[in-house]
Amino acid sequence: MKLHVSVGRQRMQVLDDEGNLLREYPVSTALAGVGELYGSYRTPRGSHIIRAKIGAGLPENTVFVRRRPTGEIWTPELGEQYPGRDWILTRILWLSGCLPGFNRLGCVDTMRRYIYIHGSPDHAEMGTPGSHGCIRMRNTDIVELFDLVPCYSPVEIAED
């Protein structure tokens, strides 16, 4: 099983080993576009793997900070209390680059940049760029995807 993220289309496809489409989800990649440099707030391109899955069994809208649940459950009221917060909710699929010098190691390392596929507040728009570099999904979609894909599944992020 593998994932293909199209930055241009703002869609993620889940493909089986023969390349057959199993699922497709709307996503939101970086508002700043694509790029690999640390601190760029851009979505990294190229071949990746899911290095870790975080949040199994936790309630939908669980709030994460530094990959740990805070004990909070996101609500619109909590969102109003912290309007500038970059919400990471429900589940995390932590990505690791596979291309040394492009998206792995040094100042371009996807994993050290803390780039995830993760859930978002219900009001977060999908189908248009808006994240700080991660790939945002609807909470119901990230729960489904989390249960579907194992660790080390390949993830290709392309501009197409």
N, C-alpha and C. Protein backbone atom coordinates (compact mmCIF):
# COMPACT_ATOMS: atom_id res chain seq x y z
N MET A 1 0.85 -1.18 0.00
CA MET A 1 0.00 0.00 0.00
C MET A 1 0.89 1.23 0.00
N LYS A 2 0.48 2.26 -0.75
CA LYS A 2 1.25 3.50 -0.79
C LYS A 2 0.32 4.69 -0.92
N LEU A 3 0.84 5.85 -0.51
CA LEU A 3 0.09 7.10 -0.59
C LEU A 3 0.73 8.00 -1.63
N HIS A 4 -0.12 8.71 -2.36
CA HIS A 4 0.37 9.72 -3.30
C HIS A 4 -0.36 11.03 -2.98
N VAL A 5 0.42 12.05 -2.63
CA VAL A 5 -0.14 13.37 -2.33
C VAL A 5 0.15 14.28 -3.51
N SER A 6 -0.91 14.83 -4.08
CA SER A 6 -0.78 15.80 -5.16
C SER A 6 -0.98 17.19 -4.58
N VAL A 7 0.11 17.97 -4.54
CA VAL A 7 0.03 19.33 -4.03
C VAL A 7 -0.83 20.19 -4.96
N GLY A 8 -0.68 20.00 -6.25
CA GLY A 8 -1.45 20.77 -7.22
C GLY A 8 -2.95 20.55 -7.11
N ARG A 9 -3.33 19.31 -6.89
CA ARG A 9 -4.75 18.96 -6.79
C ARG A 9 -5.27 19.01 -5.36
N GLN A 10 -4.35 19.08 -4.37
CA GLN A 10 -4.72 19.06 -2.96
C GLN A 10 -5.55 17.81 -2.64
N ARG A 11 -5.02 16.67 -3.12
CA ARG A 11 -5.68 15.37 -2.92
C ARG A 11 -4.64 14.34 -2.52
N MET A 12 -5.07 13.35 -1.75
CA MET A 12 -4.23 12.21 -1.41
C MET A 12 -4.92 10.95 -1.91
N GLN A 13 -4.17 10.11 -2.60
CA GLN A 13 -4.68 8.83 -3.06
C GLN A 13 -4.00 7.72 -2.27
N VAL A 14 -4.79 6.72 -1.91
CA VAL A 14 -4.28 5.49 -1.30
C VAL A 14 -4.35 4.43 -2.38
N LEU A 15 -3.19 3.84 -2.70
CA LEU A 15 -3.09 2.87 -3.78
C LEU A 15 -2.64 1.52 -3.23
N ASP A 16 -3.16 0.45 -3.81
CA ASP A 16 -2.67 -0.87 -3.41
C ASP A 16 -1.35 -1.15 -4.11
N ASP A 17 -0.77 -2.32 -3.87
CA ASP A 17 0.55 -2.63 -4.40
C ASP A 17 0.59 -2.71 -5.92
N GLU A 18 -0.57 -2.89 -6.56
CA GLU A 18 -0.64 -2.92 -8.02
C GLU A 18 -0.96 -1.54 -8.61
N GLY A 19 -1.12 -0.53 -7.73
CA GLY A 19 -1.41 0.82 -8.20
C GLY A 19 -2.88 1.13 -8.35
N ASN A 20 -3.76 0.24 -7.88
CA ASN A 20 -5.20 0.47 -7.95
C ASN A 20 -5.63 1.43 -6.85
N LEU A 21 -6.50 2.36 -7.20
CA LEU A 21 -7.00 3.36 -6.25
C LEU A 21 -7.94 2.71 -5.24
N LEU A 22 -7.60 2.85 -3.95
CA LEU A 22 -8.45 2.34 -2.88
C LEU A 22 -9.28 3.44 -2.23
N ARG A 23 -8.66 4.60 -2.02
CA ARG A 23 -9.32 5.75 -1.38
C ARG A 23 -8.72 7.03 -1.96
N GLU A 24 -9.49 8.10 -1.84
CA GLU A 24 -8.97 9.43 -2.19
C GLU A 24 -9.55 10.43 -1.22
N TYR A 25 -8.69 11.33 -0.73
CA TYR A 25 -9.10 12.30 0.29
C TYR A 25 -8.69 13.71 -0.13
N PRO A 26 -9.49 14.71 0.21
CA PRO A 26 -9.01 16.09 0.07
C PRO A 26 -8.04 16.38 1.21
N VAL A 27 -7.02 17.17 0.93
CA VAL A 27 -6.03 17.54 1.94
C VAL A 27 -5.74 19.03 1.83
N SER A 28 -4.93 19.51 2.75
CA SER A 28 -4.43 20.89 2.69
C SER A 28 -2.94 20.84 2.97
N THR A 29 -2.14 21.26 2.00
CA THR A 29 -0.69 21.32 2.16
C THR A 29 -0.31 22.76 2.51
N ALA A 30 0.98 23.06 2.47
CA ALA A 30 1.49 24.34 2.98
C ALA A 30 1.01 25.55 2.19
N LEU A 31 0.60 26.55 2.93
CA LEU A 31 0.25 27.84 2.36
C LEU A 31 1.43 28.45 1.61
N ALA A 32 2.65 28.19 2.08
CA ALA A 32 3.86 28.74 1.47
C ALA A 32 4.35 27.93 0.26
N GLY A 33 3.64 26.86 -0.10
CA GLY A 33 4.03 26.05 -1.25
C GLY A 33 4.92 24.89 -0.87
N VAL A 34 5.73 24.43 -1.82
CA VAL A 34 6.59 23.27 -1.60
C VAL A 34 8.02 23.69 -1.38
N GLY A 35 8.74 22.89 -0.63
CA GLY A 35 10.15 23.13 -0.36
C GLY A 35 10.62 22.27 0.79
N GLU A 36 11.90 22.07 0.85
CA GLU A 36 12.46 21.11 1.78
C GLU A 36 13.26 21.73 2.94
N LEU A 37 13.59 22.99 2.86
CA LEU A 37 14.46 23.61 3.87
C LEU A 37 13.79 23.76 5.23
N TYR A 38 14.56 23.48 6.27
CA TYR A 38 14.13 23.69 7.64
C TYR A 38 13.71 25.15 7.82
N GLY A 39 12.59 25.38 8.46
CA GLY A 39 12.11 26.73 8.72
C GLY A 39 11.37 27.38 7.57
N SER A 40 11.17 26.67 6.48
CA SER A 40 10.53 27.25 5.29
C SER A 40 9.01 27.25 5.37
N TYR A 41 8.42 26.45 6.25
CA TYR A 41 6.97 26.28 6.35
C TYR A 41 6.38 25.80 5.03
N ARG A 42 7.14 25.00 4.30
CA ARG A 42 6.69 24.45 3.03
C ARG A 42 6.55 22.94 3.14
N THR A 43 5.73 22.37 2.25
CA THR A 43 5.54 20.92 2.22
C THR A 43 6.68 20.29 1.41
N PRO A 44 7.38 19.32 2.01
CA PRO A 44 8.49 18.69 1.30
C PRO A 44 8.01 17.73 0.21
N ARG A 45 8.76 17.70 -0.88
CA ARG A 45 8.43 16.83 -2.01
C ARG A 45 9.22 15.53 -1.95
N GLY A 46 8.85 14.62 -2.82
CA GLY A 46 9.61 13.40 -3.03
C GLY A 46 9.12 12.21 -2.23
N SER A 47 9.98 11.19 -2.21
CA SER A 47 9.66 9.91 -1.57
C SER A 47 9.87 10.00 -0.05
N HIS A 48 8.87 9.51 0.67
CA HIS A 48 8.87 9.47 2.13
C HIS A 48 8.34 8.11 2.58
N ILE A 49 8.46 7.86 3.87
CA ILE A 49 7.77 6.74 4.51
C ILE A 49 7.06 7.27 5.75
N ILE A 50 6.06 6.52 6.17
CA ILE A 50 5.43 6.79 7.47
C ILE A 50 6.34 6.17 8.52
N ARG A 51 7.04 7.00 9.27
CA ARG A 51 8.01 6.52 10.24
C ARG A 51 7.36 6.15 11.57
N ALA A 52 6.28 6.83 11.94
CA ALA A 52 5.59 6.55 13.20
C ALA A 52 4.12 6.90 13.07
N LYS A 53 3.30 6.14 13.79
CA LYS A 53 1.87 6.40 13.88
C LYS A 53 1.57 6.72 15.34
N ILE A 54 0.93 7.87 15.58
CA ILE A 54 0.72 8.35 16.94
C ILE A 54 -0.76 8.68 17.14
N GLY A 55 -1.31 8.19 18.25
CA GLY A 55 -2.68 8.54 18.62
C GLY A 55 -3.68 7.41 18.53
N ALA A 56 -3.25 6.19 18.32
CA ALA A 56 -4.17 5.05 18.19
C ALA A 56 -5.13 5.00 19.38
N GLY A 57 -6.41 4.89 19.08
CA GLY A 57 -7.42 4.72 20.12
C GLY A 57 -7.86 5.97 20.84
N LEU A 58 -7.21 7.10 20.58
CA LEU A 58 -7.60 8.34 21.26
C LEU A 58 -8.87 8.92 20.63
N PRO A 59 -9.63 9.70 21.38
CA PRO A 59 -10.86 10.28 20.83
C PRO A 59 -10.57 11.25 19.69
N GLU A 60 -11.53 11.35 18.78
CA GLU A 60 -11.43 12.34 17.71
C GLU A 60 -11.32 13.73 18.34
N ASN A 61 -10.54 14.59 17.72
CA ASN A 61 -10.27 15.96 18.18
C ASN A 61 -9.31 16.04 19.36
N THR A 62 -8.64 14.92 19.69
CA THR A 62 -7.56 14.98 20.69
C THR A 62 -6.51 15.97 20.20
N VAL A 63 -6.07 16.85 21.08
CA VAL A 63 -5.07 17.87 20.75
C VAL A 63 -3.68 17.32 21.06
N PHE A 64 -2.75 17.48 20.10
CA PHE A 64 -1.36 17.08 20.27
C PHE A 64 -0.45 18.30 20.24
N VAL A 65 0.55 18.29 21.11
CA VAL A 65 1.64 19.25 21.07
C VAL A 65 2.92 18.42 21.20
N ARG A 66 3.83 18.62 20.27
CA ARG A 66 5.08 17.84 20.23
C ARG A 66 4.80 16.33 20.24
N ARG A 67 3.77 15.93 19.51
CA ARG A 67 3.40 14.53 19.32
C ARG A 67 2.82 13.87 20.56
N ARG A 68 2.50 14.65 21.54
CA ARG A 68 1.92 14.10 22.77
C ARG A 68 0.52 14.69 22.98
N PRO A 69 -0.43 13.85 23.40
CA PRO A 69 -1.76 14.40 23.70
C PRO A 69 -1.70 15.32 24.90
N THR A 70 -2.35 16.47 24.79
CA THR A 70 -2.32 17.46 25.88
C THR A 70 -3.37 17.21 26.94
N GLY A 71 -4.32 16.32 26.65
CA GLY A 71 -5.46 16.11 27.54
C GLY A 71 -6.66 16.94 27.10
N GLU A 72 -6.44 17.85 26.13
CA GLU A 72 -7.52 18.69 25.61
C GLU A 72 -8.22 17.97 24.46
N ILE A 73 -9.49 18.30 24.30
CA ILE A 73 -10.26 17.90 23.12
C ILE A 73 -10.66 19.21 22.44
N TRP A 74 -10.30 19.34 21.15
CA TRP A 74 -10.59 20.58 20.44
C TRP A 74 -12.09 20.82 20.34
N THR A 75 -12.49 22.04 20.64
CA THR A 75 -13.86 22.52 20.44
C THR A 75 -13.75 23.91 19.82
N PRO A 76 -14.80 24.41 19.21
CA PRO A 76 -14.75 25.79 18.70
C PRO A 76 -14.38 26.80 19.79
N GLU A 77 -14.84 26.56 21.02
CA GLU A 77 -14.52 27.46 22.13
C GLU A 77 -13.02 27.44 22.44
N LEU A 78 -12.41 26.26 22.43
CA LEU A 78 -10.97 26.16 22.65
C LEU A 78 -10.23 26.86 21.51
N GLY A 79 -10.71 26.69 20.30
CA GLY A 79 -10.12 27.37 19.15
C GLY A 79 -10.16 28.88 19.29
N GLU A 80 -11.24 29.41 19.84
CA GLU A 80 -11.36 30.86 20.05
C GLU A 80 -10.40 31.35 21.13
N GLN A 81 -10.11 30.50 22.12
CA GLN A 81 -9.18 30.87 23.19
C GLN A 81 -7.75 31.01 22.67
N TYR A 82 -7.41 30.22 21.64
CA TYR A 82 -6.05 30.19 21.08
C TYR A 82 -6.11 30.36 19.56
N PRO A 83 -6.46 31.55 19.11
CA PRO A 83 -6.71 31.74 17.67
C PRO A 83 -5.50 31.53 16.76
N GLY A 84 -4.29 31.70 17.25
CA GLY A 84 -3.12 31.55 16.40
C GLY A 84 -2.48 30.17 16.43
N ARG A 85 -3.05 29.27 17.19
CA ARG A 85 -2.46 27.95 17.39
C ARG A 85 -2.58 27.10 16.13
N ASP A 86 -1.52 26.37 15.79
CA ASP A 86 -1.55 25.44 14.67
C ASP A 86 -2.01 24.09 15.21
N TRP A 87 -3.27 23.78 15.02
CA TRP A 87 -3.89 22.62 15.65
C TRP A 87 -3.49 21.33 14.96
N ILE A 88 -2.99 20.39 15.75
CA ILE A 88 -2.67 19.04 15.30
C ILE A 88 -3.58 18.13 16.11
N LEU A 89 -4.52 17.50 15.41
CA LEU A 89 -5.60 16.78 16.08
C LEU A 89 -5.70 15.32 15.66
N THR A 90 -6.28 14.52 16.53
CA THR A 90 -6.83 13.18 16.31
C THR A 90 -5.79 12.08 16.10
N ARG A 91 -4.98 12.16 15.03
CA ARG A 91 -3.95 11.17 14.73
C ARG A 91 -2.79 11.87 14.03
N ILE A 92 -1.60 11.26 14.14
CA ILE A 92 -0.41 11.77 13.47
C ILE A 92 0.26 10.61 12.72
N LEU A 93 0.57 10.84 11.46
CA LEU A 93 1.44 9.97 10.69
C LEU A 93 2.70 10.79 10.43
N TRP A 94 3.79 10.45 11.11
CA TRP A 94 5.03 11.22 11.06
C TRP A 94 5.84 10.75 9.87
N LEU A 95 6.19 11.67 8.99
CA LEU A 95 6.89 11.33 7.76
C LEU A 95 8.40 11.44 7.90
N SER A 96 9.09 10.58 7.18
CA SER A 96 10.55 10.61 7.10
C SER A 96 10.94 10.56 5.63
N GLY A 97 11.80 11.47 5.20
CA GLY A 97 12.26 11.50 3.83
C GLY A 97 13.14 10.31 3.50
N CYS A 98 13.19 9.95 2.23
CA CYS A 98 13.98 8.79 1.78
C CYS A 98 15.14 9.21 0.86
N LEU A 99 15.28 10.49 0.58
CA LEU A 99 16.25 10.95 -0.42
C LEU A 99 17.32 11.81 0.25
N PRO A 100 18.46 11.20 0.66
CA PRO A 100 19.52 11.97 1.32
C PRO A 100 19.94 13.19 0.50
N GLY A 101 20.00 14.33 1.18
CA GLY A 101 20.37 15.58 0.53
C GLY A 101 19.21 16.32 -0.10
N PHE A 102 18.07 15.65 -0.25
CA PHE A 102 16.88 16.31 -0.80
C PHE A 102 15.80 16.48 0.26
N ASN A 103 15.41 15.38 0.92
CA ASN A 103 14.42 15.47 1.99
C ASN A 103 14.82 14.65 3.22
N ARG A 104 16.09 14.29 3.27
CA ARG A 104 16.60 13.51 4.41
C ARG A 104 17.99 14.01 4.77
N LEU A 105 18.22 14.13 6.08
CA LEU A 105 19.50 14.56 6.66
C LEU A 105 19.72 16.07 6.48
N GLY A 106 20.59 16.60 7.30
CA GLY A 106 20.95 18.02 7.22
C GLY A 106 19.77 18.96 7.37
N CYS A 107 19.81 20.06 6.64
CA CYS A 107 18.79 21.12 6.78
C CYS A 107 17.53 20.86 5.94
N VAL A 108 17.43 19.66 5.36
CA VAL A 108 16.25 19.33 4.56
C VAL A 108 15.52 18.09 5.10
N ASP A 109 15.82 17.68 6.31
CA ASP A 109 15.29 16.44 6.85
C ASP A 109 13.81 16.57 7.24
N THR A 110 12.95 15.87 6.52
CA THR A 110 11.51 15.93 6.77
C THR A 110 11.15 15.55 8.19
N MET A 111 11.76 14.50 8.71
CA MET A 111 11.41 14.04 10.06
C MET A 111 11.83 15.08 11.10
N ARG A 112 13.02 15.64 10.97
CA ARG A 112 13.48 16.67 11.92
C ARG A 112 12.68 17.97 11.77
N ARG A 113 12.04 18.16 10.63
CA ARG A 113 11.15 19.31 10.44
C ARG A 113 9.78 19.06 11.06
N TYR A 114 9.54 17.84 11.55
CA TYR A 114 8.27 17.47 12.16
C TYR A 114 7.11 17.64 11.18
N ILE A 115 7.28 17.03 10.02
CA ILE A 115 6.23 17.06 8.99
C ILE A 115 5.37 15.82 9.17
N TYR A 116 4.06 16.07 9.32
CA TYR A 116 3.10 14.99 9.57
C TYR A 116 1.96 15.05 8.57
N ILE A 117 1.23 13.94 8.51
CA ILE A 117 -0.14 13.91 8.01
C ILE A 117 -0.97 13.86 9.28
N HIS A 118 -1.89 14.81 9.46
CA HIS A 118 -2.62 14.88 10.74
C HIS A 118 -4.01 15.45 10.56
N GLY A 119 -4.83 15.27 11.59
CA GLY A 119 -6.18 15.81 11.61
C GLY A 119 -6.18 17.30 11.92
N SER A 120 -7.32 17.93 11.61
CA SER A 120 -7.47 19.39 11.74
C SER A 120 -8.85 19.74 12.28
N PRO A 121 -9.00 20.98 12.77
CA PRO A 121 -10.33 21.43 13.20
C PRO A 121 -11.33 21.35 12.05
N ASP A 122 -12.58 21.18 12.39
CA ASP A 122 -13.63 21.04 11.37
C ASP A 122 -13.70 22.22 10.41
N HIS A 123 -13.34 23.41 10.88
CA HIS A 123 -13.43 24.59 10.02
C HIS A 123 -12.23 24.73 9.06
N ALA A 124 -11.18 23.92 9.25
CA ALA A 124 -10.00 24.02 8.38
C ALA A 124 -10.40 23.60 6.97
N GLU A 125 -10.13 24.46 6.02
CA GLU A 125 -10.53 24.20 4.65
C GLU A 125 -9.63 23.15 4.00
N MET A 126 -10.23 22.18 3.35
CA MET A 126 -9.49 21.17 2.60
C MET A 126 -9.60 21.51 1.11
N GLY A 127 -8.63 21.05 0.34
CA GLY A 127 -8.65 21.31 -1.10
C GLY A 127 -7.95 22.59 -1.49
N THR A 128 -7.38 23.27 -0.50
CA THR A 128 -6.64 24.51 -0.75
C THR A 128 -5.47 24.57 0.23
N PRO A 129 -4.31 25.09 -0.18
CA PRO A 129 -3.17 25.18 0.73
C PRO A 129 -3.49 26.05 1.95
N GLY A 130 -2.99 25.63 3.13
CA GLY A 130 -3.25 26.41 4.32
C GLY A 130 -2.40 26.02 5.52
N SER A 131 -1.63 24.94 5.41
CA SER A 131 -0.87 24.45 6.57
C SER A 131 0.46 25.18 6.71
N HIS A 132 1.19 24.80 7.76
CA HIS A 132 2.54 25.33 8.00
C HIS A 132 3.61 24.39 7.45
N GLY A 133 3.22 23.43 6.61
CA GLY A 133 4.15 22.48 6.02
C GLY A 133 3.61 21.06 6.03
N CYS A 134 2.81 20.75 7.02
CA CYS A 134 2.23 19.41 7.14
C CYS A 134 1.13 19.20 6.10
N ILE A 135 0.62 17.99 6.08
CA ILE A 135 -0.51 17.64 5.23
C ILE A 135 -1.70 17.45 6.17
N ARG A 136 -2.63 18.38 6.09
CA ARG A 136 -3.82 18.35 6.95
C ARG A 136 -4.92 17.52 6.30
N MET A 137 -5.69 16.85 7.16
CA MET A 137 -6.85 16.08 6.71
C MET A 137 -8.02 16.33 7.65
N ARG A 138 -9.20 15.98 7.19
CA ARG A 138 -10.36 15.97 8.07
C ARG A 138 -10.17 14.86 9.10
N ASN A 139 -10.70 15.05 10.30
CA ASN A 139 -10.51 14.08 11.37
C ASN A 139 -11.05 12.70 11.03
N THR A 140 -12.22 12.62 10.44
CA THR A 140 -12.77 11.31 10.08
C THR A 140 -11.89 10.62 9.04
N ASP A 141 -11.31 11.40 8.13
CA ASP A 141 -10.43 10.83 7.11
C ASP A 141 -9.12 10.33 7.69
N ILE A 142 -8.52 11.09 8.62
CA ILE A 142 -7.24 10.65 9.19
C ILE A 142 -7.43 9.39 10.05
N VAL A 143 -8.56 9.25 10.72
CA VAL A 143 -8.83 8.04 11.48
C VAL A 143 -8.91 6.84 10.54
N GLU A 144 -9.63 6.99 9.43
CA GLU A 144 -9.74 5.91 8.46
C GLU A 144 -8.37 5.56 7.87
N LEU A 145 -7.60 6.58 7.47
CA LEU A 145 -6.29 6.36 6.89
C LEU A 145 -5.34 5.71 7.90
N PHE A 146 -5.35 6.20 9.13
CA PHE A 146 -4.49 5.68 10.20
C PHE A 146 -4.69 4.18 10.37
N ASP A 147 -5.95 3.74 10.34
CA ASP A 147 -6.25 2.32 10.52
C ASP A 147 -5.93 1.50 9.28
N LEU A 148 -5.82 2.15 8.13
CA LEU A 148 -5.62 1.47 6.86
C LEU A 148 -4.15 1.21 6.53
N VAL A 149 -3.28 2.17 6.84
CA VAL A 149 -1.88 2.07 6.39
C VAL A 149 -0.94 1.69 7.54
N PRO A 150 -0.02 0.77 7.29
CA PRO A 150 0.96 0.42 8.32
C PRO A 150 2.15 1.37 8.32
N CYS A 151 2.91 1.33 9.41
CA CYS A 151 4.18 2.05 9.45
C CYS A 151 5.05 1.60 8.29
N TYR A 152 5.89 2.49 7.84
CA TYR A 152 6.84 2.28 6.74
C TYR A 152 6.17 2.23 5.37
N SER A 153 4.87 2.54 5.30
CA SER A 153 4.23 2.65 3.98
C SER A 153 4.86 3.81 3.24
N PRO A 154 5.08 3.66 1.92
CA PRO A 154 5.64 4.75 1.14
C PRO A 154 4.63 5.88 0.93
N VAL A 155 5.15 7.10 0.92
CA VAL A 155 4.35 8.30 0.67
C VAL A 155 5.10 9.14 -0.36
N GLU A 156 4.49 9.38 -1.50
CA GLU A 156 5.09 10.23 -2.53
C GLU A 156 4.36 11.56 -2.52
N ILE A 157 5.12 12.65 -2.38
CA ILE A 157 4.53 14.00 -2.40
C ILE A 157 5.03 14.67 -3.67
N ALA A 158 4.09 15.01 -4.54
CA ALA A 158 4.42 15.57 -5.85
C ALA A 158 3.66 16.85 -6.10
N GLU A 159 4.19 17.68 -6.98
CA GLU A 159 3.55 18.96 -7.30
C GLU A 159 2.39 18.81 -8.28
N ASP A 160 2.28 17.70 -8.98
CA ASP A 160 1.25 17.51 -10.02
C ASP A 160 -0.15 17.76 -9.55
